[in-house]
């Protein structure tokens, strides 16, 4: 008898690294994968839940995302703050 589908472990999220490892000098996120240096360092020991949270934050950081301000908007915020 096989285990129900709900008992199966979900696959671990794959690393978003694409081998282009350079930090953007403005937003301090990797130009390749979009992660912060803290997220990159945490990835190898992060739980599946933590990895999923990192990937969700990456989706919000992607250019064109409604949750990510444009670079010009970020610059205006930096100047105002």
PDB file of N, CA and C in Angstrom:
ATOM      1  N   UNK A   1       0.849  -1.184   0.000  1.00  0.00           N
ATOM      2  CA  UNK A   1       0.000   0.000   0.000  1.00  0.00           C
ATOM      3  C   UNK A   1       0.886   1.235   0.000  1.00  0.00           C
ATOM      4  N   UNK A   2       0.624   2.172  -0.864  1.00  0.00           N
ATOM      5  CA  UNK A   2       1.460   3.364  -0.955  1.00  0.00           C
ATOM      6  C   UNK A   2       0.921   4.451  -0.038  1.00  0.00           C
ATOM      7  N   UNK A   3       1.813   5.378   0.316  1.00  0.00           N
ATOM      8  CA  UNK A   3       1.444   6.480   1.196  1.00  0.00           C
ATOM      9  C   UNK A   3       0.551   7.455   0.445  1.00  0.00           C
ATOM     10  N   UNK A   4      -0.391   8.081   1.157  1.00  0.00           N
ATOM     11  CA  UNK A   4      -1.223   9.104   0.503  1.00  0.00           C
ATOM     12  C   UNK A   4      -0.369  10.249  -0.012  1.00  0.00           C
ATOM     13  N   UNK A   5      -0.848  10.925  -1.029  1.00  0.00           N
ATOM     14  CA  UNK A   5      -0.095  12.020  -1.644  1.00  0.00           C
ATOM     15  C   UNK A   5       0.242  13.111  -0.647  1.00  0.00           C
ATOM     16  N   UNK A   6      -0.586  13.301   0.373  1.00  0.00           N
ATOM     17  CA  UNK A   6      -0.333  14.361   1.346  1.00  0.00           C
ATOM     18  C   UNK A   6       0.854  14.044   2.240  1.00  0.00           C
ATOM     19  N   UNK A   7       1.275  12.776   2.314  1.00  0.00           N
ATOM     20  CA  UNK A   7       2.416  12.399   3.153  1.00  0.00           C
ATOM     21  C   UNK A   7       3.750  12.531   2.425  1.00  0.00           C
ATOM     22  N   UNK A   8       3.719  12.763   1.147  1.00  0.00           N
ATOM     23  CA  UNK A   8       4.963  12.872   0.377  1.00  0.00           C
ATOM     24  C   UNK A   8       5.647  14.193   0.681  1.00  0.00           C
ATOM     25  N   UNK A   9       6.951  14.111   0.832  1.00  0.00           N
ATOM     26  CA  UNK A   9       7.726  15.335   1.068  1.00  0.00           C
ATOM     27  C   UNK A   9       7.757  16.158  -0.220  1.00  0.00           C
ATOM     28  N   UNK A  10       7.550  17.449  -0.064  1.00  0.00           N
ATOM     29  CA  UNK A  10       7.629  18.333  -1.226  1.00  0.00           C
ATOM     30  C   UNK A  10       9.089  18.473  -1.619  1.00  0.00           C
ATOM     31  N   UNK A  11       9.365  18.593  -2.933  1.00  0.00           N
ATOM     32  CA  UNK A  11      10.765  18.756  -3.342  1.00  0.00           C
ATOM     33  C   UNK A  11      11.321  20.081  -2.836  1.00  0.00           C
ATOM     34  N   UNK A  12      12.605  20.075  -2.524  1.00  0.00           N
ATOM     35  CA  UNK A  12      13.243  21.307  -2.074  1.00  0.00           C
ATOM     36  C   UNK A  12      13.332  22.292  -3.227  1.00  0.00           C
ATOM     37  N   UNK A  13      13.091  23.562  -2.949  1.00  0.00           N
ATOM     38  CA  UNK A  13      13.214  24.564  -4.013  1.00  0.00           C
ATOM     39  C   UNK A  13      14.657  24.624  -4.514  1.00  0.00           C
ATOM     40  N   UNK A  14      14.812  24.724  -5.812  1.00  0.00           N
ATOM     41  CA  UNK A  14      16.143  24.839  -6.401  1.00  0.00           C
ATOM     42  C   UNK A  14      16.699  26.237  -6.161  1.00  0.00           C
ATOM     43  N   UNK A  15      18.000  26.322  -6.059  1.00  0.00           N
ATOM     44  CA  UNK A  15      18.645  27.622  -5.897  1.00  0.00           C
ATOM     45  C   UNK A  15      18.374  28.482  -7.124  1.00  0.00           C
ATOM     46  N   UNK A  16      18.095  29.768  -6.914  1.00  0.00           N
ATOM     47  CA  UNK A  16      17.866  30.656  -8.047  1.00  0.00           C
ATOM     48  C   UNK A  16      19.170  31.136  -8.698  1.00  0.00           C
ATOM     49  N   UNK A  17      20.316  30.722  -8.178  1.00  0.00           N
ATOM     50  CA  UNK A  17      21.613  31.154  -8.699  1.00  0.00           C
ATOM     51  C   UNK A  17      21.753  30.770 -10.172  1.00  0.00           C
ATOM     52  N   UNK A  18      22.210  31.749 -10.981  1.00  0.00           N
ATOM     53  CA  UNK A  18      22.460  31.476 -12.402  1.00  0.00           C
ATOM     54  C   UNK A  18      23.934  31.696 -12.754  1.00  0.00           C
ATOM     55  N   UNK A  19      24.762  31.856 -11.726  1.00  0.00           N
ATOM     56  CA  UNK A  19      26.199  31.989 -11.946  1.00  0.00           C
ATOM     57  C   UNK A  19      26.669  33.381 -12.330  1.00  0.00           C
ATOM     58  N   UNK A  20      25.815  34.376 -12.201  1.00  0.00           N
ATOM     59  CA  UNK A  20      26.189  35.771 -12.461  1.00  0.00           C
ATOM     60  C   UNK A  20      26.199  36.445 -11.094  1.00  0.00           C
ATOM     61  N   UNK A  21      27.314  36.318 -10.399  1.00  0.00           N
ATOM     62  CA  UNK A  21      27.365  36.720  -8.993  1.00  0.00           C
ATOM     63  C   UNK A  21      28.028  38.088  -8.826  1.00  0.00           C
ATOM     64  N   UNK A  22      27.197  39.139  -8.950  1.00  0.00           N
ATOM     65  CA  UNK A  22      27.652  40.527  -8.756  1.00  0.00           C
ATOM     66  C   UNK A  22      26.538  41.280  -8.064  1.00  0.00           C
ATOM     67  N   UNK A  23      26.899  42.049  -7.039  1.00  0.00           N
ATOM     68  CA  UNK A  23      25.894  42.830  -6.333  1.00  0.00           C
ATOM     69  C   UNK A  23      25.665  44.173  -7.000  1.00  0.00           C
ATOM     70  N   UNK A  24      24.407  44.541  -7.147  1.00  0.00           N
ATOM     71  CA  UNK A  24      24.044  45.857  -7.646  1.00  0.00           C
ATOM     72  C   UNK A  24      24.474  46.874  -6.593  1.00  0.00           C
ATOM     73  N   UNK A  25      25.207  47.909  -6.978  1.00  0.00           N
ATOM     74  CA  UNK A  25      25.692  48.876  -5.990  1.00  0.00           C
ATOM     75  C   UNK A  25      24.587  49.712  -5.357  1.00  0.00           C
ATOM     76  N   UNK A  26      23.420  49.771  -5.993  1.00  0.00           N
ATOM     77  CA  UNK A  26      22.323  50.584  -5.461  1.00  0.00           C
ATOM     78  C   UNK A  26      21.454  49.780  -4.494  1.00  0.00           C
ATOM     79  N   UNK A  27      20.897  48.666  -4.970  1.00  0.00           N
ATOM     80  CA  UNK A  27      19.967  47.933  -4.110  1.00  0.00           C
ATOM     81  C   UNK A  27      20.597  46.753  -3.382  1.00  0.00           C
ATOM     82  N   UNK A  28      21.883  46.512  -3.638  1.00  0.00           N
ATOM     83  CA  UNK A  28      22.657  45.477  -2.939  1.00  0.00           C
ATOM     84  C   UNK A  28      22.085  44.069  -3.111  1.00  0.00           C
ATOM     85  N   UNK A  29      21.457  43.836  -4.266  1.00  0.00           N
ATOM     86  CA  UNK A  29      20.960  42.510  -4.620  1.00  0.00           C
ATOM     87  C   UNK A  29      21.805  41.972  -5.763  1.00  0.00           C
ATOM     88  N   UNK A  30      21.942  40.657  -5.815  1.00  0.00           N
ATOM     89  CA  UNK A  30      22.721  40.019  -6.873  1.00  0.00           C
ATOM     90  C   UNK A  30      22.082  40.307  -8.224  1.00  0.00           C
ATOM     91  N   UNK A  31      22.908  40.702  -9.187  1.00  0.00           N
ATOM     92  CA  UNK A  31      22.418  40.982 -10.536  1.00  0.00           C
ATOM     93  C   UNK A  31      21.947  39.710 -11.244  1.00  0.00           C
ATOM     94  N   UNK A  32      22.446  38.553 -10.812  1.00  0.00           N
ATOM     95  CA  UNK A  32      22.046  37.292 -11.430  1.00  0.00           C
ATOM     96  C   UNK A  32      20.751  36.735 -10.874  1.00  0.00           C
ATOM     97  N   UNK A  33      20.729  36.496  -9.563  1.00  0.00           N
ATOM     98  CA  UNK A  33      19.571  35.820  -8.966  1.00  0.00           C
ATOM     99  C   UNK A  33      18.617  36.744  -8.230  1.00  0.00           C
ATOM    100  N   UNK A  34      19.071  37.943  -7.871  1.00  0.00           N
ATOM    101  CA  UNK A  34      18.213  38.893  -7.186  1.00  0.00           C
ATOM    102  C   UNK A  34      18.233  38.803  -5.675  1.00  0.00           C
ATOM    103  N   UNK A  35      18.991  37.835  -5.123  1.00  0.00           N
ATOM    104  CA  UNK A  35      19.033  37.699  -3.669  1.00  0.00           C
ATOM    105  C   UNK A  35      19.977  38.709  -3.034  1.00  0.00           C
ATOM    106  N   UNK A  36      19.708  39.027  -1.763  1.00  0.00           N
ATOM    107  CA  UNK A  36      20.638  39.840  -0.987  1.00  0.00           C
ATOM    108  C   UNK A  36      21.788  38.944  -0.558  1.00  0.00           C
ATOM    109  N   UNK A  37      22.876  39.547  -0.099  1.00  0.00           N
ATOM    110  CA  UNK A  37      24.019  38.756   0.364  1.00  0.00           C
ATOM    111  C   UNK A  37      23.619  37.877   1.558  1.00  0.00           C
ATOM    112  N   UNK A  38      22.714  38.391   2.391  1.00  0.00           N
ATOM    113  CA  UNK A  38      22.242  37.615   3.535  1.00  0.00           C
ATOM    114  C   UNK A  38      21.446  36.388   3.082  1.00  0.00           C
ATOM    115  N   UNK A  39      20.618  36.560   2.056  1.00  0.00           N
ATOM    116  CA  UNK A  39      19.847  35.436   1.532  1.00  0.00           C
ATOM    117  C   UNK A  39      20.739  34.406   0.865  1.00  0.00           C
ATOM    118  N   UNK A  40      21.764  34.875   0.174  1.00  0.00           N
ATOM    119  CA  UNK A  40      22.723  33.963  -0.472  1.00  0.00           C
ATOM    120  C   UNK A  40      23.450  33.141   0.593  1.00  0.00           C
ATOM    121  N   UNK A  41      23.907  33.799   1.637  1.00  0.00           N
ATOM    122  CA  UNK A  41      24.638  33.116   2.704  1.00  0.00           C
ATOM    123  C   UNK A  41      23.739  32.135   3.456  1.00  0.00           C
ATOM    124  N   UNK A  42      22.478  32.459   3.616  1.00  0.00           N
ATOM    125  CA  UNK A  42      21.536  31.633   4.375  1.00  0.00           C
ATOM    126  C   UNK A  42      21.061  30.412   3.597  1.00  0.00           C
ATOM    127  N   UNK A  43      21.048  30.493   2.267  1.00  0.00           N
ATOM    128  CA  UNK A  43      20.450  29.454   1.430  1.00  0.00           C
ATOM    129  C   UNK A  43      20.900  28.026   1.763  1.00  0.00           C
ATOM    130  N   UNK A  44      22.195  27.737   1.882  1.00  0.00           N
ATOM    131  CA  UNK A  44      22.611  26.335   2.086  1.00  0.00           C
ATOM    132  C   UNK A  44      22.036  25.679   3.346  1.00  0.00           C
ATOM    133  N   UNK A  45      21.762  26.448   4.375  1.00  0.00           N
ATOM    134  CA  UNK A  45      21.253  25.872   5.621  1.00  0.00           C
ATOM    135  C   UNK A  45      19.783  26.221   5.879  1.00  0.00           C
ATOM    136  N   UNK A  46      19.160  26.936   4.957  1.00  0.00           N
ATOM    137  CA  UNK A  46      17.766  27.345   5.133  1.00  0.00           C
ATOM    138  C   UNK A  46      16.833  26.144   5.008  1.00  0.00           C
ATOM    139  N   UNK A  47      15.759  26.181   5.784  1.00  0.00           N
ATOM    140  CA  UNK A  47      14.732  25.147   5.679  1.00  0.00           C
ATOM    141  C   UNK A  47      13.965  25.344   4.370  1.00  0.00           C
ATOM    142  N   UNK A  48      13.156  24.359   4.030  1.00  0.00           N
ATOM    143  CA  UNK A  48      12.337  24.461   2.823  1.00  0.00           C
ATOM    144  C   UNK A  48      11.430  25.687   2.921  1.00  0.00           C
ATOM    145  N   UNK A  49      10.860  25.930   4.096  1.00  0.00           N
ATOM    146  CA  UNK A  49       9.983  27.083   4.277  1.00  0.00           C
ATOM    147  C   UNK A  49      10.745  28.388   4.090  1.00  0.00           C
ATOM    148  N   UNK A  50      11.966  28.456   4.637  1.00  0.00           N
ATOM    149  CA  UNK A  50      12.782  29.663   4.477  1.00  0.00           C
ATOM    150  C   UNK A  50      13.140  29.887   3.013  1.00  0.00           C
ATOM    151  N   UNK A  51      13.477  28.817   2.306  1.00  0.00           N
ATOM    152  CA  UNK A  51      13.805  28.943   0.882  1.00  0.00           C
ATOM    153  C   UNK A  51      12.611  29.437   0.080  1.00  0.00           C
ATOM    154  N   UNK A  52      11.440  28.923   0.398  1.00  0.00           N
ATOM    155  CA  UNK A  52      10.228  29.384  -0.289  1.00  0.00           C
ATOM    156  C   UNK A  52       9.974  30.869   0.003  1.00  0.00           C
ATOM    157  N   UNK A  53      10.239  31.299   1.223  1.00  0.00           N
ATOM    158  CA  UNK A  53      10.064  32.715   1.576  1.00  0.00           C
ATOM    159  C   UNK A  53      11.049  33.584   0.793  1.00  0.00           C
ATOM    160  N   UNK A  54      12.291  33.117   0.660  1.00  0.00           N
ATOM    161  CA  UNK A  54      13.290  33.858  -0.126  1.00  0.00           C
ATOM    162  C   UNK A  54      12.823  33.970  -1.571  1.00  0.00           C
ATOM    163  N   UNK A  55      12.352  32.872  -2.139  1.00  0.00           N
ATOM    164  CA  UNK A  55      11.883  32.890  -3.531  1.00  0.00           C
ATOM    165  C   UNK A  55      10.685  33.822  -3.698  1.00  0.00           C
ATOM    166  N   UNK A  56       9.821  33.880  -2.689  1.00  0.00           N
ATOM    167  CA  UNK A  56       8.668  34.799  -2.764  1.00  0.00           C
ATOM    168  C   UNK A  56       9.148  36.248  -2.751  1.00  0.00           C
ATOM    169  N   UNK A  57      10.163  36.543  -1.929  1.00  0.00           N
ATOM    170  CA  UNK A  57      10.706  37.906  -1.910  1.00  0.00           C
ATOM    171  C   UNK A  57      11.363  38.246  -3.242  1.00  0.00           C
ATOM    172  N   UNK A  58      12.021  37.261  -3.859  1.00  0.00           N
ATOM    173  CA  UNK A  58      12.650  37.498  -5.163  1.00  0.00           C
ATOM    174  C   UNK A  58      11.601  37.878  -6.200  1.00  0.00           C
ATOM    175  N   UNK A  59      10.467  37.202  -6.179  1.00  0.00           N
ATOM    176  CA  UNK A  59       9.404  37.508  -7.135  1.00  0.00           C
ATOM    177  C   UNK A  59       8.949  38.957  -6.971  1.00  0.00           C
ATOM    178  N   UNK A  60       8.911  39.434  -5.737  1.00  0.00           N
ATOM    179  CA  UNK A  60       8.494  40.819  -5.481  1.00  0.00           C
ATOM    180  C   UNK A  60       9.559  41.824  -5.909  1.00  0.00           C
ATOM    181  N   UNK A  61      10.822  41.392  -5.949  1.00  0.00           N
ATOM    182  CA  UNK A  61      11.921  42.286  -6.334  1.00  0.00           C
ATOM    183  C   UNK A  61      12.122  42.389  -7.830  1.00  0.00           C
ATOM    184  N   UNK A  62      11.582  41.460  -8.585  1.00  0.00           N
ATOM    185  CA  UNK A  62      11.819  41.444 -10.035  1.00  0.00           C
ATOM    186  C   UNK A  62      11.354  42.741 -10.673  1.00  0.00           C
ATOM    187  N   UNK A  63      12.127  43.240 -11.636  1.00  0.00           N
ATOM    188  CA  UNK A  63      11.697  44.449 -12.349  1.00  0.00           C
ATOM    189  C   UNK A  63      10.303  44.249 -12.936  1.00  0.00           C
ATOM    190  N   UNK A  64       9.484  45.274 -12.806  1.00  0.00           N
ATOM    191  CA  UNK A  64       8.134  45.199 -13.330  1.00  0.00           C
ATOM    192  C   UNK A  64       7.132  44.637 -12.343  1.00  0.00           C
ATOM    193  N   UNK A  65       7.621  44.104 -11.221  1.00  0.00           N
ATOM    194  CA  UNK A  65       6.709  43.589 -10.216  1.00  0.00           C
ATOM    195  C   UNK A  65       5.959  44.754  -9.594  1.00  0.00           C
ATOM    196  N   UNK A  66       4.666  44.602  -9.347  1.00  0.00           N
ATOM    197  CA  UNK A  66       3.922  45.695  -8.722  1.00  0.00           C
ATOM    198  C   UNK A  66       4.413  45.995  -7.318  1.00  0.00           C
ATOM    199  N   UNK A  67       5.149  45.058  -6.696  1.00  0.00           N
ATOM    200  CA  UNK A  67       5.644  45.270  -5.345  1.00  0.00           C
ATOM    201  C   UNK A  67       7.034  45.896  -5.322  1.00  0.00           C
ATOM    202  N   UNK A  68       7.684  46.003  -6.492  1.00  0.00           N
ATOM    203  CA  UNK A  68       9.033  46.560  -6.540  1.00  0.00           C
ATOM    204  C   UNK A  68       8.999  47.942  -7.171  1.00  0.00           C
ATOM    205  N   UNK A  69       9.420  48.972  -6.431  1.00  0.00           N
ATOM    206  CA  UNK A  69       9.466  50.298  -7.040  1.00  0.00           C
ATOM    207  C   UNK A  69      10.553  50.351  -8.109  1.00  0.00           C
ATOM    208  N   UNK A  70      10.371  51.187  -9.101  1.00  0.00           N
ATOM    209  CA  UNK A  70      11.382  51.347 -10.132  1.00  0.00           C
ATOM    210  C   UNK A  70      12.637  51.960  -9.527  1.00  0.00           C
ATOM    211  N   UNK A  71      13.764  51.824 -10.218  1.00  0.00           N
ATOM    212  CA  UNK A  71      15.014  52.381  -9.724  1.00  0.00           C
ATOM    213  C   UNK A  71      14.882  53.888  -9.500  1.00  0.00           C
ATOM    214  N   UNK A  72      14.181  54.592 -10.400  1.00  0.00           N
ATOM    215  CA  UNK A  72      14.028  56.037 -10.231  1.00  0.00           C
ATOM    216  C   UNK A  72      13.193  56.344  -8.992  1.00  0.00           C
ATOM    217  N   UNK A  73      12.189  55.529  -8.717  1.00  0.00           N
ATOM    218  CA  UNK A  73      11.382  55.733  -7.516  1.00  0.00           C
ATOM    219  C   UNK A  73      12.209  55.453  -6.267  1.00  0.00           C
ATOM    220  N   UNK A  74      13.065  54.413  -6.313  1.00  0.00           N
ATOM    221  CA  UNK A  74      13.924  54.109  -5.161  1.00  0.00           C
ATOM    222  C   UNK A  74      14.892  55.249  -4.933  1.00  0.00           C
ATOM    223  N   UNK A  75      15.447  55.829  -6.015  1.00  0.00           N
ATOM    224  CA  UNK A  75      16.369  56.944  -5.888  1.00  0.00           C
ATOM    225  C   UNK A  75      15.685  58.147  -5.255  1.00  0.00           C
ATOM    226  N   UNK A  76      14.450  58.417  -5.665  1.00  0.00           N
ATOM    227  CA  UNK A  76      13.687  59.532  -5.088  1.00  0.00           C
ATOM    228  C   UNK A  76      13.421  59.286  -3.614  1.00  0.00           C
ATOM    229  N   UNK A  77      13.129  58.029  -3.260  1.00  0.00           N
ATOM    230  CA  UNK A  77      12.910  57.710  -1.858  1.00  0.00           C
ATOM    231  C   UNK A  77      14.186  57.882  -1.047  1.00  0.00           C
ATOM    232  N   UNK A  78      15.328  57.476  -1.610  1.00  0.00           N
ATOM    233  CA  UNK A  78      16.606  57.628  -0.928  1.00  0.00           C
ATOM    234  C   UNK A  78      16.918  59.096  -0.694  1.00  0.00           C
ATOM    235  N   UNK A  79      16.666  59.923  -1.700  1.00  0.00           N
ATOM    236  CA  UNK A  79      16.947  61.358  -1.575  1.00  0.00           C
ATOM    237  C   UNK A  79      16.024  62.011  -0.548  1.00  0.00           C
ATOM    238  N   UNK A  80      14.788  61.522  -0.458  1.00  0.00           N
ATOM    239  CA  UNK A  80      13.826  62.115   0.478  1.00  0.00           C
ATOM    240  C   UNK A  80      14.086  61.669   1.912  1.00  0.00           C
ATOM    241  N   UNK A  81      14.686  60.475   2.057  1.00  0.00           N
ATOM    242  CA  UNK A  81      14.782  59.895   3.374  1.00  0.00           C
ATOM    243  C   UNK A  81      16.002  60.143   4.118  1.00  0.00           C
TER     244      UNK A  81
END
